[in-house]
Amino acid sequence: MEPLVDALLVSSLNAGAECIQVYDGATGTQLKSYRGLPVARSTLCLVGKGAHIVTAQRDKPFLQAWAIHHHEALQIRLVVPGRVDAMAVNSTGPKYCIIGIKEKLYVYKLLSGRLIGVSTRHYQPITQLIFTPCGNYFASGGEDGFVYLWSLASFIEALHKHDAPQVQPHFILGQHSDKVTGLAMPLSGMKGFLVSSSLDHTARLFDLLTGRSMYNLVTASDVTTVACNSLGSQIFLGHSDGTVNVVNLLPAPPHGDVQVSSKGVECHPKPVRCLAVTASGNRIVSGGDDGEVKVWSVINKAAGFIGNTKAHDPHLALQRVVHNGRGPITNLSLLHIHREALTATEVDSKEIIAPFSQDHSSPLDAPIIVPIRGRGKEHHQQFDLFNFSSGLSALQNTGGEGMSELSNDHQSSINQLQAANTQLFKFALKHIIDEERDF
């Protein structure tokens, strides 16, 4: 049994109390499930390298989170301004959560729960959000057909300015003539491209360095979801008729409109809603409105017709069905993880998710509460370093049990700490007051 597995995280419309199921993509066996409330579509996110799972609750203004090894949801109050339509969390660096609620974008920092910024550019509800692999940019797509690229730094910069104007997109990538149904990008991130799919029968590829359109893939039916392999050499298009097209981008055709004339492989009897590609690119996973999640082998020479070049017919070979019978699939994510991490009793994680701040009026003035975690023993008495006598009297009231543990060396160290902290406090207080007066 391989220690590393391609874990498939699946949520469906009628999942019940076990709202997320986890399967081994290689064998189809169920590895774990997570208990919670129904999950909203396009909101299943992984924090860090799979340390936590975060989703939005369906039809409610709440998020829910799990540690990857815990069956029950974390007891954290994650309240947002409204019902979530789309959500994304960056995978590297400080973790930020981007939430789409109707036409607005909300940016939260997970470490503190602080609302970093709000922006409105779409004029219809946001349907898709995705971060670049570097975590510094993210893209949004909406029912208005627009696709925008945003810089996370612009939200952070605006946070530190009074009366800052509304954050604007880094690029206006383009506009479909119908609803945006999917966003995907390869591991090359900002040095590569973004692909968006739409119900207007097209999938468009944008150069993220220049913001210009590269290809407009035209198909015979609505494109309901899109995915690409890690190299960006193949695009997978899911359609409303249940078929999946495989489009090779190597050798690269001339930029412009590209007709995808191949019919595609019939993967589901109903629309395909989710696609995920393994890191190796030799398997894809599909989920549809028929309630099934299937694993397919990819024949790498498959391309269909692209441009004026005739290539081999696309071919996907069905390996197995790993999930069915719980209603239409709402989320599908693929995580390469150690098998034992899903069942461990304790996992040492550096990621912290704090309760979200409820002060949405002024992010600049909102207090920051950072939870501190450690493995030290619990302290029954909390000493005030600026007034140590109160701590001593508290110990004396308990019968002097703690006093016997304080040696002369410890007492001397505490006195030094008390003096140093008092000086630091007076210095900081003086300069803060002077700056307030100058301001």
Protein backbone atom coordinates (compact mmCIF):
# COMPACT_ATOMS: atom_id res chain seq x y z
CA MET A 1 0.00 0.00 0.00
CA GLU A 2 1.48 3.30 -1.11
CA PRO A 3 1.96 5.82 1.76
CA LEU A 4 1.10 8.77 -0.52
CA VAL A 5 -2.34 8.86 -2.07
CA ASP A 6 -4.30 11.06 -4.44
CA ALA A 7 -7.19 11.79 -2.09
CA LEU A 8 -10.44 12.86 -3.75
CA LEU A 9 -12.56 15.22 -1.63
CA VAL A 10 -16.18 15.15 -2.76
CA SER A 11 -19.30 17.02 -1.68
CA SER A 12 -22.75 16.42 -3.13
CA LEU A 13 -26.20 17.92 -2.92
CA ASN A 14 -27.79 15.21 -0.75
CA ALA A 15 -24.79 14.10 1.29
CA GLY A 16 -26.56 14.37 4.66
CA ALA A 17 -24.59 14.83 7.88
CA GLU A 18 -21.41 13.40 6.32
CA CYS A 19 -21.04 16.40 4.03
CA ILE A 20 -17.58 15.55 2.61
CA GLN A 21 -16.26 12.14 1.60
CA VAL A 22 -12.61 11.32 0.90
CA TYR A 23 -11.63 8.51 -1.50
CA ASP A 24 -8.38 6.94 -2.63
CA GLY A 25 -8.18 7.77 -6.34
CA ALA A 26 -6.06 4.69 -7.08
CA THR A 27 -8.34 2.09 -5.46
CA GLY A 28 -11.70 3.83 -5.00
CA THR A 29 -11.87 2.98 -1.28
CA GLN A 30 -13.29 5.56 1.11
CA LEU A 31 -10.60 6.90 3.42
CA LYS A 32 -12.53 9.35 5.58
CA SER A 33 -15.59 11.55 5.88
CA TYR A 34 -16.28 14.87 7.55
CA ARG A 35 -19.38 15.73 9.51
CA GLY A 36 -21.00 19.12 8.98
CA LEU A 37 -23.73 21.09 7.28
CA PRO A 38 -24.37 20.97 3.50
CA VAL A 39 -21.57 22.53 1.45
CA ALA A 40 -22.16 25.35 -1.05
CA ARG A 41 -21.03 24.87 -4.64
CA SER A 42 -17.52 26.08 -5.61
CA THR A 43 -16.43 26.67 -2.00
CA LEU A 44 -14.35 23.63 -0.97
CA CYS A 45 -10.84 24.92 -0.19
CA LEU A 46 -7.66 23.43 1.24
CA VAL A 47 -5.56 25.54 3.62
CA GLY A 48 -1.80 25.16 3.28
CA LYS A 49 -0.66 21.70 2.25
CA GLY A 50 -3.89 20.09 3.31
CA ALA A 51 -3.73 21.03 7.00
CA HIS A 52 -7.34 22.22 7.06
CA ILE A 53 -10.47 22.12 4.93
CA VAL A 54 -12.70 25.19 4.70
CA THR A 55 -16.10 25.38 3.01
CA ALA A 56 -19.15 27.63 3.00
CA GLN A 57 -22.50 26.42 4.26
CA ARG A 58 -25.23 26.21 1.67
CA ASP A 59 -27.82 29.01 1.90
CA LYS A 60 -26.31 30.36 5.15
CA PRO A 61 -23.80 33.18 5.86
CA PHE A 62 -21.35 30.87 7.64
CA LEU A 63 -18.14 29.01 6.87
CA GLN A 64 -17.09 25.71 8.44
CA ALA A 65 -13.62 24.26 8.88
CA TRP A 66 -12.03 20.92 9.73
CA ALA A 67 -8.55 19.84 10.69
CA ILE A 68 -7.57 17.30 8.07
CA HIS A 69 -7.41 14.48 10.67
CA HIS A 70 -10.62 15.35 12.57
CA HIS A 71 -14.03 14.00 11.67
CA GLU A 72 -15.90 16.82 13.42
CA ALA A 73 -15.81 20.49 12.40
CA LEU A 74 -13.72 22.95 14.39
CA GLN A 75 -15.57 25.06 16.92
CA ILE A 76 -14.77 28.38 15.26
CA ARG A 77 -17.28 31.11 14.53
CA LEU A 78 -16.76 32.07 10.88
CA VAL A 79 -19.55 34.51 10.02
CA VAL A 80 -19.57 36.35 6.69
CA PRO A 81 -21.83 39.15 5.37
CA GLY A 82 -24.04 36.89 3.24
CA ARG A 83 -24.54 33.60 1.42
CA VAL A 84 -21.29 32.61 -0.29
CA ASP A 85 -21.30 32.04 -4.07
CA ALA A 86 -17.60 31.23 -4.55
CA MET A 87 -14.47 30.97 -2.39
CA ALA A 88 -10.71 30.41 -2.68
CA VAL A 89 -7.73 30.18 -0.28
CA ASN A 90 -4.11 30.67 -1.37
CA SER A 91 -1.75 27.71 -0.89
CA THR A 92 1.53 29.52 -0.11
CA GLY A 93 2.64 32.35 2.15
CA PRO A 94 0.26 34.04 4.62
CA LYS A 95 -3.18 32.52 4.09
CA TYR A 96 -5.95 34.71 2.75
CA CYS A 97 -9.53 33.70 2.02
CA ILE A 98 -11.30 35.32 -0.92
CA ILE A 99 -15.10 35.16 -0.74
CA GLY A 100 -17.59 36.09 -3.45
CA ILE A 101 -20.97 37.21 -2.11
CA LYS A 102 -23.25 38.36 -4.91
CA GLU A 103 -21.26 41.02 -6.81
CA LYS A 104 -18.77 41.77 -4.00
CA LEU A 105 -15.33 40.38 -3.18
CA TYR A 106 -14.36 40.05 0.50
CA VAL A 107 -10.75 39.39 1.49
CA TYR A 108 -10.05 37.88 4.95
CA LYS A 109 -6.74 36.99 6.59
CA LEU A 110 -7.12 33.56 8.19
CA LEU A 111 -4.44 34.09 10.86
CA SER A 112 -6.30 36.98 12.50
CA GLY A 113 -9.80 36.70 11.00
CA ARG A 114 -9.42 40.31 9.90
CA LEU A 115 -11.36 41.72 6.96
CA ILE A 116 -8.64 43.08 4.66
CA GLY A 117 -10.79 44.66 2.00
CA VAL A 118 -13.96 44.72 -0.07
CA SER A 119 -14.28 45.45 -3.76
CA THR A 120 -17.12 45.54 -6.27
CA ARG A 121 -16.42 45.26 -9.97
CA HIS A 122 -18.75 42.51 -11.21
CA TYR A 123 -22.32 43.64 -11.76
CA GLN A 124 -23.80 40.14 -11.43
CA PRO A 125 -23.01 37.43 -8.85
CA ILE A 126 -19.49 35.99 -8.75
CA THR A 127 -19.40 32.32 -9.77
CA GLN A 128 -15.70 31.33 -9.71
CA LEU A 129 -12.54 32.29 -7.79
CA ILE A 130 -9.02 30.88 -8.10
CA PHE A 131 -5.56 31.81 -6.77
CA THR A 132 -2.36 31.67 -8.77
CA PRO A 133 0.12 29.04 -7.45
CA CYS A 134 2.32 31.82 -6.01
CA GLY A 135 -0.63 33.10 -3.95
CA ASN A 136 -0.07 36.75 -4.90
CA TYR A 137 -2.86 37.06 -7.46
CA PHE A 138 -6.34 35.66 -7.89
CA ALA A 139 -8.90 35.61 -10.68
CA SER A 140 -12.66 36.02 -10.54
CA GLY A 141 -15.45 35.20 -12.97
CA GLY A 142 -19.14 36.00 -12.73
CA GLU A 143 -22.55 35.64 -14.26
CA ASP A 144 -21.84 38.87 -16.14
CA GLY A 145 -19.22 36.97 -18.18
CA PHE A 146 -16.30 39.15 -17.06
CA VAL A 147 -12.98 37.61 -15.99
CA TYR A 148 -10.70 39.77 -13.81
CA LEU A 149 -7.21 39.27 -12.42
CA TRP A 150 -6.61 40.87 -9.00
CA SER A 151 -3.45 41.61 -7.03
CA LEU A 152 -3.63 40.65 -3.37
CA ALA A 153 -1.02 43.30 -2.59
CA SER A 154 -3.38 46.04 -3.79
CA PHE A 155 -5.91 45.06 -1.09
CA ILE A 156 -3.22 45.06 1.60
CA GLU A 157 -1.85 48.41 0.40
CA ALA A 158 -5.31 50.00 0.45
CA LEU A 159 -5.81 48.74 4.01
CA HIS A 160 -3.09 51.06 5.30
CA LYS A 161 -4.50 54.19 3.67
CA HIS A 162 -7.30 56.35 5.01
CA ASP A 163 -9.98 57.14 2.42
CA ALA A 164 -8.29 54.82 -0.10
CA PRO A 165 -10.21 54.37 -3.39
CA GLN A 166 -11.82 51.04 -4.17
CA VAL A 167 -9.32 48.40 -5.28
CA GLN A 168 -9.33 47.90 -9.04
CA PRO A 169 -8.41 44.72 -10.96
CA HIS A 170 -4.83 44.18 -12.07
CA PHE A 171 -6.14 43.15 -15.50
CA ILE A 172 -9.54 43.05 -17.15
CA LEU A 173 -8.88 39.80 -18.98
CA GLY A 174 -12.03 39.61 -21.08
CA GLN A 175 -15.74 38.99 -21.23
CA HIS A 176 -17.78 35.96 -22.24
CA SER A 177 -21.27 36.44 -23.61
CA ASP A 178 -22.71 34.21 -20.86
CA LYS A 179 -22.03 32.99 -17.32
CA VAL A 180 -18.46 31.96 -16.37
CA THR A 181 -18.58 28.31 -15.20
CA GLY A 182 -14.94 27.49 -14.48
CA LEU A 183 -11.40 28.85 -14.01
CA ALA A 184 -8.14 26.90 -14.14
CA MET A 185 -4.41 27.50 -14.52
CA PRO A 186 -1.23 25.37 -14.66
CA LEU A 187 1.51 25.34 -12.02
CA SER A 188 3.45 27.96 -13.97
CA GLY A 189 1.01 30.53 -12.57
CA MET A 190 1.79 34.12 -13.58
CA LYS A 191 4.27 32.86 -16.20
CA GLY A 192 1.54 30.80 -17.80
CA PHE A 193 -2.11 31.30 -18.60
CA LEU A 194 -5.59 31.31 -17.14
CA VAL A 195 -8.39 29.41 -18.86
CA SER A 196 -12.04 30.30 -18.31
CA SER A 197 -15.10 28.37 -19.44
CA SER A 198 -18.59 29.66 -20.14
CA LEU A 199 -22.09 28.68 -21.19
CA ASP A 200 -21.46 30.60 -24.43
CA HIS A 201 -19.82 27.42 -25.86
CA THR A 202 -16.29 28.78 -25.45
CA ALA A 203 -13.20 28.47 -23.27
CA ARG A 204 -10.76 31.37 -23.40
CA LEU A 205 -7.05 31.36 -22.57
CA PHE A 206 -5.40 34.53 -21.25
CA ASP A 207 -1.70 35.35 -20.91
CA LEU A 208 -1.29 36.38 -17.26
CA LEU A 209 1.85 38.44 -17.91
CA THR A 210 0.21 40.72 -20.46
CA GLY A 211 -3.49 40.19 -19.77
CA ARG A 212 -4.12 39.49 -23.45
CA SER A 213 -6.30 36.77 -24.93
CA MET A 214 -4.36 33.88 -26.47
CA TYR A 215 -6.97 31.38 -27.68
CA ASN A 216 -10.73 31.23 -27.91
CA LEU A 217 -11.69 27.54 -27.96
CA VAL A 218 -15.10 27.18 -29.63
CA THR A 219 -17.12 24.02 -28.94
CA ALA A 220 -20.48 22.63 -29.99
CA SER A 221 -22.17 22.80 -26.56
CA ASP A 222 -22.14 24.68 -23.26
CA VAL A 223 -18.85 24.38 -21.36
CA THR A 224 -19.78 23.74 -17.73
CA THR A 225 -16.31 23.23 -16.21
CA VAL A 226 -12.64 23.32 -17.16
CA ALA A 227 -9.31 21.92 -15.93
CA CYS A 228 -5.73 21.71 -17.19
CA ASN A 229 -2.69 19.61 -16.37
CA SER A 230 0.22 20.96 -14.36
CA LEU A 231 2.32 21.70 -17.47
CA GLY A 232 -0.49 23.50 -19.27
CA SER A 233 -0.14 21.26 -22.31
CA GLN A 234 -3.68 19.86 -22.15
CA ILE A 235 -7.07 21.46 -21.50
CA PHE A 236 -10.07 19.39 -20.36
CA LEU A 237 -13.51 20.78 -21.11
CA GLY A 238 -16.67 19.40 -19.46
CA HIS A 239 -19.97 19.99 -21.24
CA SER A 240 -23.67 20.19 -20.48
CA ASP A 241 -24.29 17.05 -22.57
CA GLY A 242 -22.04 14.98 -20.25
CA THR A 243 -19.04 14.81 -22.59
CA VAL A 244 -15.42 15.81 -21.92
CA ASN A 245 -13.09 17.19 -24.60
CA VAL A 246 -9.31 16.87 -24.41
CA VAL A 247 -7.47 19.67 -26.23
CA ASN A 248 -3.70 19.54 -26.75
CA LEU A 249 -1.88 22.88 -26.83
CA LEU A 250 1.39 21.35 -28.05
CA PRO A 251 2.40 22.09 -30.71
CA ALA A 252 0.91 25.50 -30.06
CA PRO A 253 -1.54 26.66 -32.74
CA PRO A 254 -1.63 30.30 -33.92
CA HIS A 255 -3.34 32.66 -31.51
CA GLY A 256 -6.99 33.38 -32.12
CA ASP A 257 -10.19 31.37 -32.52
CA VAL A 258 -9.75 27.58 -32.42
CA GLN A 259 -12.55 25.21 -33.39
CA VAL A 260 -12.75 22.10 -31.21
CA SER A 261 -14.59 19.84 -33.63
CA SER A 262 -14.18 16.54 -31.79
CA LYS A 263 -17.38 15.34 -30.12
CA GLY A 264 -15.60 14.32 -26.93
CA VAL A 265 -15.94 11.33 -24.64
CA GLU A 266 -19.29 10.54 -23.04
CA CYS A 267 -18.46 10.57 -19.33
CA HIS A 268 -21.84 11.27 -17.68
CA PRO A 269 -25.50 11.14 -18.78
CA LYS A 270 -26.01 14.61 -17.27
CA PRO A 271 -23.89 17.81 -17.26
CA VAL A 272 -20.30 17.56 -16.04
CA ARG A 273 -19.84 19.95 -13.10
CA CYS A 274 -16.33 19.24 -11.78
CA LEU A 275 -12.99 18.16 -13.23
CA ALA A 276 -9.66 17.56 -11.48
CA VAL A 277 -6.31 16.42 -12.91
CA THR A 278 -3.60 14.49 -11.05
CA ALA A 279 -0.11 15.99 -10.76
CA SER A 280 1.25 13.49 -13.29
CA GLY A 281 -1.49 14.39 -15.76
CA ASN A 282 -2.22 10.76 -16.63
CA ARG A 283 -5.58 10.65 -14.84
CA ILE A 284 -8.53 12.98 -14.52
CA VAL A 285 -11.52 12.85 -12.18
CA SER A 286 -14.98 13.96 -13.25
CA GLY A 287 -18.15 14.67 -11.29
CA GLY A 288 -21.58 15.34 -12.73
CA ASP A 289 -25.22 16.05 -12.01
CA ASP A 290 -25.83 12.30 -12.15
CA GLY A 291 -24.17 12.09 -8.72
CA GLU A 292 -21.20 10.00 -9.87
CA VAL A 293 -17.47 10.68 -9.52
CA LYS A 294 -15.34 8.77 -12.02
CA VAL A 295 -11.60 8.29 -12.49
CA TRP A 296 -10.30 8.19 -16.09
CA SER A 297 -6.97 7.32 -17.67
CA VAL A 298 -5.72 9.92 -20.15
CA ILE A 299 -4.18 8.81 -23.44
CA ASN A 300 -1.60 11.55 -23.86
CA LYS A 301 -1.64 11.48 -27.64
CA ALA A 302 -5.33 12.38 -27.65
CA ALA A 303 -6.08 15.82 -28.97
CA GLY A 304 -9.10 15.94 -31.26
CA PHE A 305 -9.04 18.57 -34.00
CA ILE A 306 -7.39 21.85 -33.18
CA GLY A 307 -7.08 24.58 -35.76
CA ASN A 308 -6.44 23.13 -39.19
CA THR A 309 -4.35 20.28 -37.80
CA LYS A 310 -5.92 16.84 -37.58
CA ALA A 311 -4.80 14.85 -34.57
CA HIS A 312 -5.79 11.57 -33.00
CA ASP A 313 -9.29 11.17 -31.61
CA PRO A 314 -9.44 11.95 -27.87
CA HIS A 315 -9.61 8.95 -25.63
CA LEU A 316 -10.36 8.59 -21.92
CA ALA A 317 -10.47 5.11 -20.45
CA LEU A 318 -12.73 4.63 -17.42
CA GLN A 319 -10.89 3.17 -14.43
CA ARG A 320 -13.55 3.19 -11.73
CA VAL A 321 -16.55 4.92 -10.17
CA VAL A 322 -15.65 6.06 -6.65
CA HIS A 323 -18.81 7.90 -5.54
CA ASN A 324 -22.51 7.77 -6.42
CA GLY A 325 -26.04 7.91 -5.08
CA ARG A 326 -25.92 11.18 -3.13
CA GLY A 327 -27.19 13.71 -5.63
CA PRO A 328 -25.40 16.11 -8.00
CA ILE A 329 -21.74 16.77 -7.26
CA THR A 330 -21.13 20.28 -5.89
CA ASN A 331 -17.37 20.21 -5.18
CA LEU A 332 -14.44 18.05 -6.20
CA SER A 333 -10.85 18.56 -5.10
CA LEU A 334 -7.71 16.45 -5.40
CA LEU A 335 -5.10 16.36 -2.62
CA HIS A 336 -1.77 14.49 -2.76
CA ILE A 337 -1.25 13.57 0.89
CA HIS A 338 0.26 10.96 3.18
CA ARG A 339 -2.28 8.32 4.05
CA GLU A 340 -1.58 8.49 7.79
CA ALA A 341 -2.27 12.24 7.91
CA LEU A 342 -5.98 11.51 7.47
CA THR A 343 -6.18 9.23 10.49
CA ALA A 344 -3.49 10.61 12.83
CA THR A 345 -4.57 11.46 16.37
CA GLU A 346 -2.57 14.68 16.28
CA VAL A 347 -1.02 16.68 13.43
CA ASP A 348 1.56 19.40 13.98
CA SER A 349 0.33 22.23 11.78
CA LYS A 350 1.54 25.82 11.52
CA GLU A 351 -1.73 26.99 10.01
CA ILE A 352 -4.16 28.90 12.24
CA ILE A 353 -7.75 29.82 11.45
CA ALA A 354 -9.12 32.58 13.68
CA PRO A 355 -12.76 33.63 14.12
CA PHE A 356 -13.74 36.21 11.52
CA SER A 357 -14.10 39.81 12.65
CA GLN A 358 -17.66 41.14 12.55
CA ASP A 359 -16.59 44.77 12.11
CA HIS A 360 -17.06 45.20 8.35
CA SER A 361 -17.28 48.99 8.46
CA SER A 362 -13.63 49.93 8.99
CA PRO A 363 -11.04 47.20 8.40
CA LEU A 364 -8.22 49.63 9.30
CA ASP A 365 -9.45 50.18 12.84
CA ALA A 366 -10.59 46.62 13.58
CA PRO A 367 -8.79 45.00 16.52
CA ILE A 368 -6.49 42.08 15.77
CA ILE A 369 -6.82 38.94 17.89
CA VAL A 370 -4.19 36.32 17.12
CA PRO A 371 -4.63 32.89 18.76
CA ILE A 372 -1.40 31.45 20.14
CA ARG A 373 -0.93 27.71 20.23
CA GLY A 374 1.79 25.66 21.88
CA ARG A 375 2.64 22.39 23.52
CA GLY A 376 3.53 23.81 26.94
CA LYS A 377 1.72 22.87 30.13
CA GLU A 378 -1.32 24.85 31.11
CA HIS A 379 -0.63 27.84 33.36
CA HIS A 380 -3.17 28.02 36.16
CA GLN A 381 -2.02 31.50 37.19
CA GLN A 382 -1.42 34.38 34.77
CA PHE A 383 1.11 36.86 36.16
CA ASP A 384 0.98 40.57 35.45
CA LEU A 385 4.59 41.48 34.62
CA PHE A 386 3.89 45.13 35.39
CA ASN A 387 2.45 44.31 38.83
CA PHE A 388 4.04 41.12 40.02
CA SER A 389 2.83 41.59 43.58
CA SER A 390 -0.72 40.72 42.50
CA GLY A 391 0.54 37.42 41.12
CA LEU A 392 2.38 36.66 44.37
CA SER A 393 -0.68 37.41 46.47
CA ALA A 394 -2.73 35.08 44.27
CA LEU A 395 -0.25 32.29 44.89
CA GLN A 396 -0.26 33.00 48.61
CA ASN A 397 -4.06 32.68 48.63
CA THR A 398 -3.78 29.17 47.17
CA GLY A 399 -1.80 27.99 50.16
CA GLY A 400 1.70 28.82 48.99
CA GLU A 401 2.04 25.75 46.80
CA GLY A 402 3.47 27.76 43.93
CA MET A 403 5.83 29.87 46.12
CA SER A 404 7.96 26.90 47.00
CA GLU A 405 8.74 26.40 43.30
CA LEU A 406 10.19 29.88 42.86
CA SER A 407 13.91 29.75 43.57
CA ASN A 408 16.08 32.79 44.08
CA ASP A 409 17.32 32.56 40.48
CA HIS A 410 13.78 32.51 39.18
CA GLN A 411 12.88 35.48 41.37
CA SER A 412 15.86 37.44 40.03
CA SER A 413 14.93 36.66 36.42
CA ILE A 414 11.36 37.74 37.02
CA ASN A 415 12.50 41.01 38.55
CA GLN A 416 14.68 41.69 35.51
CA LEU A 417 11.81 40.93 33.16
CA GLN A 418 9.52 43.16 35.18
CA ALA A 419 11.95 46.07 34.95
CA ALA A 420 12.61 45.58 31.23
CA ASN A 421 8.91 45.36 30.39
CA THR A 422 8.16 48.46 32.43
CA GLN A 423 10.80 50.42 30.52
CA LEU A 424 9.51 49.16 27.17
CA PHE A 425 5.95 50.05 28.12
CA LYS A 426 6.88 53.59 29.19
CA PHE A 427 8.96 54.13 26.05
CA ALA A 428 6.19 52.89 23.72
CA LEU A 429 3.52 54.84 25.58
CA LYS A 430 5.51 58.07 25.39
CA HIS A 431 6.10 57.79 21.65
CA ILE A 432 2.51 56.82 20.90
CA ILE A 433 1.19 59.81 22.82
CA ASP A 434 3.68 62.15 21.09
CA GLU A 435 2.67 60.83 17.67
CA GLU A 436 -1.02 61.26 18.52
CA ARG A 437 -0.40 64.88 19.51
CA ASP A 438 1.62 65.58 16.37
CA PHE A 439 -1.15 64.04 14.24
